[in-house]
Amino acid sequence: MLLTIDVGNTHTVLGLFDGEEIIEHWRISTDARRTADELAVLLNGLMGMHPLLGEELGDGIDGIAICSTVPSVLHELREVTRRHYGDVPAILVEPGVKTGVPILFDNPKEVGADRIINAVAANELYGGPAIVVDFGTATTFDAISARGEYVGGVIAPGIEISVEALGVRAAQLRKIELNRPRNVIGKNTVEAMQSGILYGFAGQVDGLVNRMAKELAEDPDDVTVIATGGLAPLVLADATVIDEHEPWLTLIGLRLVYERNVARS
């Protein structure tokens, strides 16, 4: 089985693949202070609960694919694979790893590994032209051309960042639970904030995607828009431009990149 690990700024998502099927997944907080040994204990605890894996760390794992937006965590995970997974093939997505996606960016090294991995999966699953909207710590919009090239994208503050900023910078506001309000016009402070976040971000998605699609394709209707990320379900019902929701897009992309690199090695 293949273990895939997507390290984000706030959360780390792990997925276990049996062939092309994801059979188990976990979401944990990202902590840049964790050492390789602490990460190994955490992985052992999570995967020890799965009946198809052995009791020892690495039992039942045939390959590992990792991408990270946090360099210190990537460094420690590299050590985990070296010390605790022995001869298990491991692919860490970084410059030099073959993805099959040309990067048409001024400086390709500036593009986050997770964004490239999302482009790999989007192009494989849906083809281009496409736009991936990833609702994470930041909300990122990534454009894939009809020829499968990573064209570029947009980075906007994420939903949770915006909620926290309101609570910190506005004296009479506080952090709220991200639930759907009864109406767009809030009847109390909490509902007014929930409405601003929910419908404000849905409007942002619609506006940015429509503008991007006009630049990406002669007919904007040809562009497939894919939503992913842990906070995507909050706005799916209200963002009119979303065509597909694939919560495991990054993990699928990691599987694809692993297969391409292992086959070439």
Protein backbone atom coordinates (compact mmCIF):
# COMPACT_ATOMS: atom_id res chain seq x y z
CA MET A 1 0.00 0.00 0.00
CA LEU A 2 1.04 3.59 -0.61
CA LEU A 3 1.16 6.14 2.22
CA THR A 4 0.63 9.73 1.05
CA ILE A 5 1.28 12.75 3.29
CA ASP A 6 0.22 16.32 2.48
CA VAL A 7 1.70 18.78 4.99
CA GLY A 8 -0.10 22.12 5.02
CA ASN A 9 0.53 25.17 7.17
CA THR A 10 -2.34 24.32 9.53
CA HIS A 11 -3.20 20.66 8.98
CA THR A 12 -1.49 17.55 7.69
CA VAL A 13 -3.59 15.05 5.74
CA LEU A 14 -2.52 11.44 5.37
CA GLY A 15 -4.04 8.92 2.97
CA LEU A 16 -3.54 5.21 2.51
CA PHE A 17 -3.98 3.85 -1.02
CA ASP A 18 -4.61 0.29 -2.08
CA GLY A 19 -3.97 0.63 -5.80
CA GLU A 20 -6.00 3.61 -6.98
CA GLU A 21 -8.45 3.47 -4.08
CA ILE A 22 -7.97 5.52 -0.93
CA ILE A 23 -8.95 3.17 1.88
CA GLU A 24 -8.09 5.27 4.93
CA HIS A 25 -7.29 8.87 5.76
CA TRP A 26 -6.35 10.99 8.76
CA ARG A 27 -6.13 14.72 9.48
CA ILE A 28 -3.81 16.06 12.19
CA SER A 29 -2.49 19.48 13.15
CA THR A 30 0.80 20.58 11.63
CA ASP A 31 3.43 21.34 14.24
CA ALA A 32 6.79 22.53 12.92
CA ARG A 33 8.37 21.70 16.30
CA ARG A 34 7.79 17.95 16.07
CA THR A 35 10.93 15.87 15.70
CA ALA A 36 11.33 12.86 13.44
CA ASP A 37 10.93 10.55 16.42
CA GLU A 38 7.72 12.28 17.49
CA LEU A 39 6.36 12.02 13.96
CA ALA A 40 7.24 8.32 13.85
CA VAL A 41 5.32 7.72 17.09
CA LEU A 42 2.34 9.63 15.70
CA LEU A 43 2.35 7.67 12.44
CA ASN A 44 2.67 4.40 14.33
CA GLY A 45 -0.34 5.28 16.45
CA LEU A 46 -2.50 6.20 13.48
CA MET A 47 -1.63 3.33 11.21
CA GLY A 48 -1.58 0.81 14.02
CA MET A 49 -5.36 1.15 14.11
CA HIS A 50 -5.76 -0.12 10.54
CA PRO A 51 -6.40 -3.89 10.21
CA LEU A 52 -4.47 -4.22 6.93
CA LEU A 53 -1.22 -2.92 8.40
CA GLY A 54 1.20 -4.71 10.70
CA GLU A 55 2.03 -3.82 14.27
CA GLU A 56 5.48 -2.43 13.46
CA LEU A 57 5.92 0.96 11.74
CA GLY A 58 6.27 0.35 8.01
CA ASP A 59 4.60 -3.08 7.93
CA GLY A 60 2.30 -3.21 4.92
CA ILE A 61 3.62 0.05 3.40
CA ASP A 62 5.13 -0.44 -0.07
CA GLY A 63 5.74 3.23 -0.89
CA ILE A 64 5.56 6.76 0.50
CA ALA A 65 4.83 10.08 -1.23
CA ILE A 66 5.14 13.40 0.63
CA CYS A 67 4.65 17.06 -0.17
CA SER A 68 5.00 19.90 2.32
CA THR A 69 4.58 23.66 2.49
CA VAL A 70 6.56 23.66 5.76
CA PRO A 71 10.29 23.03 5.10
CA SER A 72 11.12 22.03 8.67
CA VAL A 73 8.43 19.32 8.65
CA LEU A 74 9.64 18.03 5.29
CA HIS A 75 13.13 17.74 6.76
CA GLU A 76 11.88 15.69 9.72
CA LEU A 77 9.71 13.47 7.51
CA ARG A 78 12.75 12.79 5.35
CA GLU A 79 14.45 11.52 8.48
CA VAL A 80 11.40 9.41 9.36
CA THR A 81 11.49 7.67 5.98
CA ARG A 82 15.24 7.05 6.31
CA ARG A 83 15.22 5.72 9.85
CA HIS A 84 11.88 3.97 10.20
CA TYR A 85 10.86 2.79 6.73
CA GLY A 86 14.08 1.12 5.64
CA ASP A 87 14.04 0.22 1.96
CA VAL A 88 10.49 1.44 1.26
CA PRO A 89 10.66 3.72 -1.84
CA ALA A 90 9.86 7.31 -0.82
CA ILE A 91 9.16 10.31 -3.07
CA LEU A 92 9.42 13.76 -1.49
CA VAL A 93 8.07 16.39 -3.87
CA GLU A 94 10.73 19.05 -4.37
CA PRO A 95 12.71 20.51 -7.29
CA GLY A 96 13.92 17.68 -9.52
CA VAL A 97 10.96 15.38 -8.95
CA LYS A 98 9.16 14.58 -12.20
CA THR A 99 5.49 15.60 -12.14
CA GLY A 100 4.65 15.60 -15.84
CA VAL A 101 3.27 19.15 -15.56
CA PRO A 102 5.23 21.98 -17.24
CA ILE A 103 5.35 25.02 -14.95
CA LEU A 104 4.89 28.31 -16.82
CA PHE A 105 5.84 30.53 -13.89
CA ASP A 106 8.51 33.24 -13.71
CA ASN A 107 10.32 31.23 -11.04
CA PRO A 108 8.96 27.65 -10.86
CA LYS A 109 10.64 27.12 -7.47
CA GLU A 110 8.27 29.69 -5.94
CA VAL A 111 5.21 27.52 -6.59
CA GLY A 112 4.13 25.47 -3.58
CA ALA A 113 4.52 21.72 -4.02
CA ASP A 114 0.89 21.14 -3.08
CA ARG A 115 -0.29 23.45 -5.87
CA ILE A 116 1.69 21.55 -8.48
CA ILE A 117 0.43 18.25 -7.10
CA ASN A 118 -3.14 19.55 -7.34
CA ALA A 119 -2.50 20.47 -10.97
CA VAL A 120 -1.22 16.95 -11.67
CA ALA A 121 -4.37 15.39 -10.24
CA ALA A 122 -6.76 17.88 -11.85
CA ASN A 123 -5.24 17.35 -15.29
CA GLU A 124 -5.34 13.57 -14.89
CA LEU A 125 -8.92 13.42 -13.60
CA TYR A 126 -10.62 16.19 -15.56
CA GLY A 127 -8.21 17.44 -18.23
CA GLY A 128 -7.55 21.06 -19.09
CA PRO A 129 -8.33 23.83 -19.11
CA ALA A 130 -9.10 23.72 -15.40
CA ILE A 131 -8.95 25.81 -12.24
CA VAL A 132 -8.31 24.28 -8.83
CA VAL A 133 -9.64 26.18 -5.81
CA ASP A 134 -7.98 24.89 -2.64
CA PHE A 135 -9.56 26.06 0.61
CA GLY A 136 -6.76 25.82 3.14
CA THR A 137 -4.84 28.24 5.34
CA ALA A 138 -4.80 30.39 2.21
CA THR A 139 -7.37 30.05 -0.54
CA THR A 140 -5.40 29.32 -3.70
CA PHE A 141 -6.63 29.37 -7.29
CA ASP A 142 -4.46 27.47 -9.78
CA ALA A 143 -4.88 27.45 -13.55
CA ILE A 144 -4.10 24.48 -15.81
CA SER A 145 -4.09 25.01 -19.58
CA ALA A 146 -5.71 22.79 -22.20
CA ARG A 147 -2.26 21.27 -22.77
CA GLY A 148 -1.84 20.36 -19.10
CA GLU A 149 0.53 23.20 -18.21
CA TYR A 150 0.54 24.96 -14.85
CA VAL A 151 -0.10 28.55 -15.96
CA GLY A 152 -0.16 30.39 -12.61
CA GLY A 153 -2.73 31.38 -10.06
CA VAL A 154 -4.05 33.56 -7.28
CA ILE A 155 -3.43 33.49 -3.52
CA ALA A 156 -6.02 34.99 -1.17
CA PRO A 157 -6.37 34.95 2.63
CA GLY A 158 -8.06 31.78 3.81
CA ILE A 159 -11.39 31.55 5.60
CA GLU A 160 -9.95 30.79 9.05
CA ILE A 161 -7.31 33.53 8.68
CA SER A 162 -10.05 36.04 7.96
CA VAL A 163 -12.13 34.94 10.95
CA GLU A 164 -9.12 35.18 13.25
CA ALA A 165 -8.19 38.60 11.88
CA LEU A 166 -11.66 39.96 12.64
CA GLY A 167 -11.39 38.72 16.21
CA VAL A 168 -7.93 40.19 16.72
CA ARG A 169 -8.31 43.57 14.99
CA ALA A 170 -11.94 44.43 15.81
CA ALA A 171 -12.46 45.18 19.49
CA GLN A 172 -16.14 44.21 19.65
CA LEU A 173 -15.92 41.11 17.46
CA ARG A 174 -14.80 37.63 18.41
CA LYS A 175 -13.90 34.38 16.75
CA ILE A 176 -17.04 32.55 15.65
CA GLU A 177 -18.08 29.07 14.64
CA LEU A 178 -18.27 28.75 10.87
CA ASN A 179 -21.93 27.78 10.46
CA ARG A 180 -24.51 28.86 7.90
CA PRO A 181 -26.58 31.82 9.20
CA ARG A 182 -30.39 31.89 8.99
CA ASN A 183 -30.32 34.76 6.48
CA VAL A 184 -27.84 36.80 4.47
CA ILE A 185 -28.88 39.86 6.49
CA GLY A 186 -27.69 38.95 9.98
CA LYS A 187 -29.93 39.71 12.96
CA ASN A 188 -27.06 39.56 15.46
CA THR A 189 -23.30 40.01 15.42
CA VAL A 190 -22.48 36.31 15.08
CA GLU A 191 -24.85 35.79 12.16
CA ALA A 192 -23.63 38.98 10.49
CA MET A 193 -20.04 37.69 10.67
CA GLN A 194 -21.05 34.22 9.49
CA SER A 195 -22.85 35.75 6.53
CA GLY A 196 -19.90 37.95 5.65
CA ILE A 197 -17.51 35.01 5.74
CA LEU A 198 -19.70 32.44 3.98
CA TYR A 199 -21.25 34.56 1.26
CA GLY A 200 -18.25 36.85 1.00
CA PHE A 201 -15.93 33.96 0.18
CA ALA A 202 -18.47 32.40 -2.19
CA GLY A 203 -18.62 35.72 -4.04
CA GLN A 204 -14.83 35.94 -4.06
CA VAL A 205 -14.57 32.48 -5.61
CA ASP A 206 -17.14 33.28 -8.29
CA GLY A 207 -15.51 36.61 -9.14
CA LEU A 208 -11.92 35.38 -9.31
CA VAL A 209 -12.73 32.18 -11.18
CA ASN A 210 -14.77 34.04 -13.81
CA ARG A 211 -11.90 36.47 -14.39
CA MET A 212 -9.33 33.66 -14.55
CA ALA A 213 -11.45 31.58 -16.94
CA LYS A 214 -11.62 34.48 -19.41
CA GLU A 215 -7.81 34.57 -19.53
CA LEU A 216 -7.39 30.80 -19.56
CA ALA A 217 -9.67 29.79 -22.44
CA GLU A 218 -11.35 31.31 -25.47
CA ASP A 219 -14.63 29.91 -24.14
CA PRO A 220 -14.72 30.23 -20.33
CA ASP A 221 -17.40 27.53 -20.23
CA ASP A 222 -14.75 25.01 -21.29
CA VAL A 223 -12.90 25.47 -17.97
CA THR A 224 -13.55 22.82 -15.31
CA VAL A 225 -13.45 24.22 -11.76
CA ILE A 226 -12.45 21.79 -9.02
CA ALA A 227 -12.76 22.53 -5.30
CA THR A 228 -10.60 20.84 -2.69
CA GLY A 229 -9.28 21.50 0.82
CA GLY A 230 -10.72 21.03 4.28
CA LEU A 231 -12.89 24.17 4.21
CA ALA A 232 -14.37 23.64 0.73
CA PRO A 233 -17.71 22.24 1.99
CA LEU A 234 -18.45 25.60 3.64
CA VAL A 235 -18.91 27.38 0.31
CA LEU A 236 -19.80 24.63 -2.16
CA ALA A 237 -23.53 25.33 -2.03
CA ASP A 238 -23.10 29.06 -2.64
CA ALA A 239 -20.20 29.33 -5.09
CA THR A 240 -21.90 28.95 -8.46
CA VAL A 241 -18.76 28.26 -10.52
CA ILE A 242 -17.68 24.99 -8.85
CA ASP A 243 -18.07 21.98 -11.14
CA GLU A 244 -16.40 19.25 -9.11
CA HIS A 245 -15.53 18.63 -5.46
CA GLU A 246 -12.59 16.28 -4.86
CA PRO A 247 -11.53 16.34 -1.20
CA TRP A 248 -8.54 14.04 -1.81
CA LEU A 249 -7.17 15.86 -4.86
CA THR A 250 -3.70 16.42 -3.35
CA LEU A 251 -3.42 12.83 -2.13
CA ILE A 252 -4.43 11.55 -5.57
CA GLY A 253 -1.79 13.81 -7.11
CA LEU A 254 0.82 12.39 -4.75
CA ARG A 255 -0.11 8.88 -5.83
CA LEU A 256 0.27 9.86 -9.49
CA VAL A 257 3.65 11.52 -8.94
CA TYR A 258 4.87 8.53 -6.95
CA GLU A 259 3.88 6.16 -9.76
CA ARG A 260 5.58 8.33 -12.41
CA ASN A 261 8.82 8.63 -10.48
CA VAL A 262 9.04 5.03 -9.33
CA ALA A 263 8.42 3.84 -12.90
CA ARG A 264 11.23 6.10 -14.15
CA SER A 265 13.74 5.20 -11.46
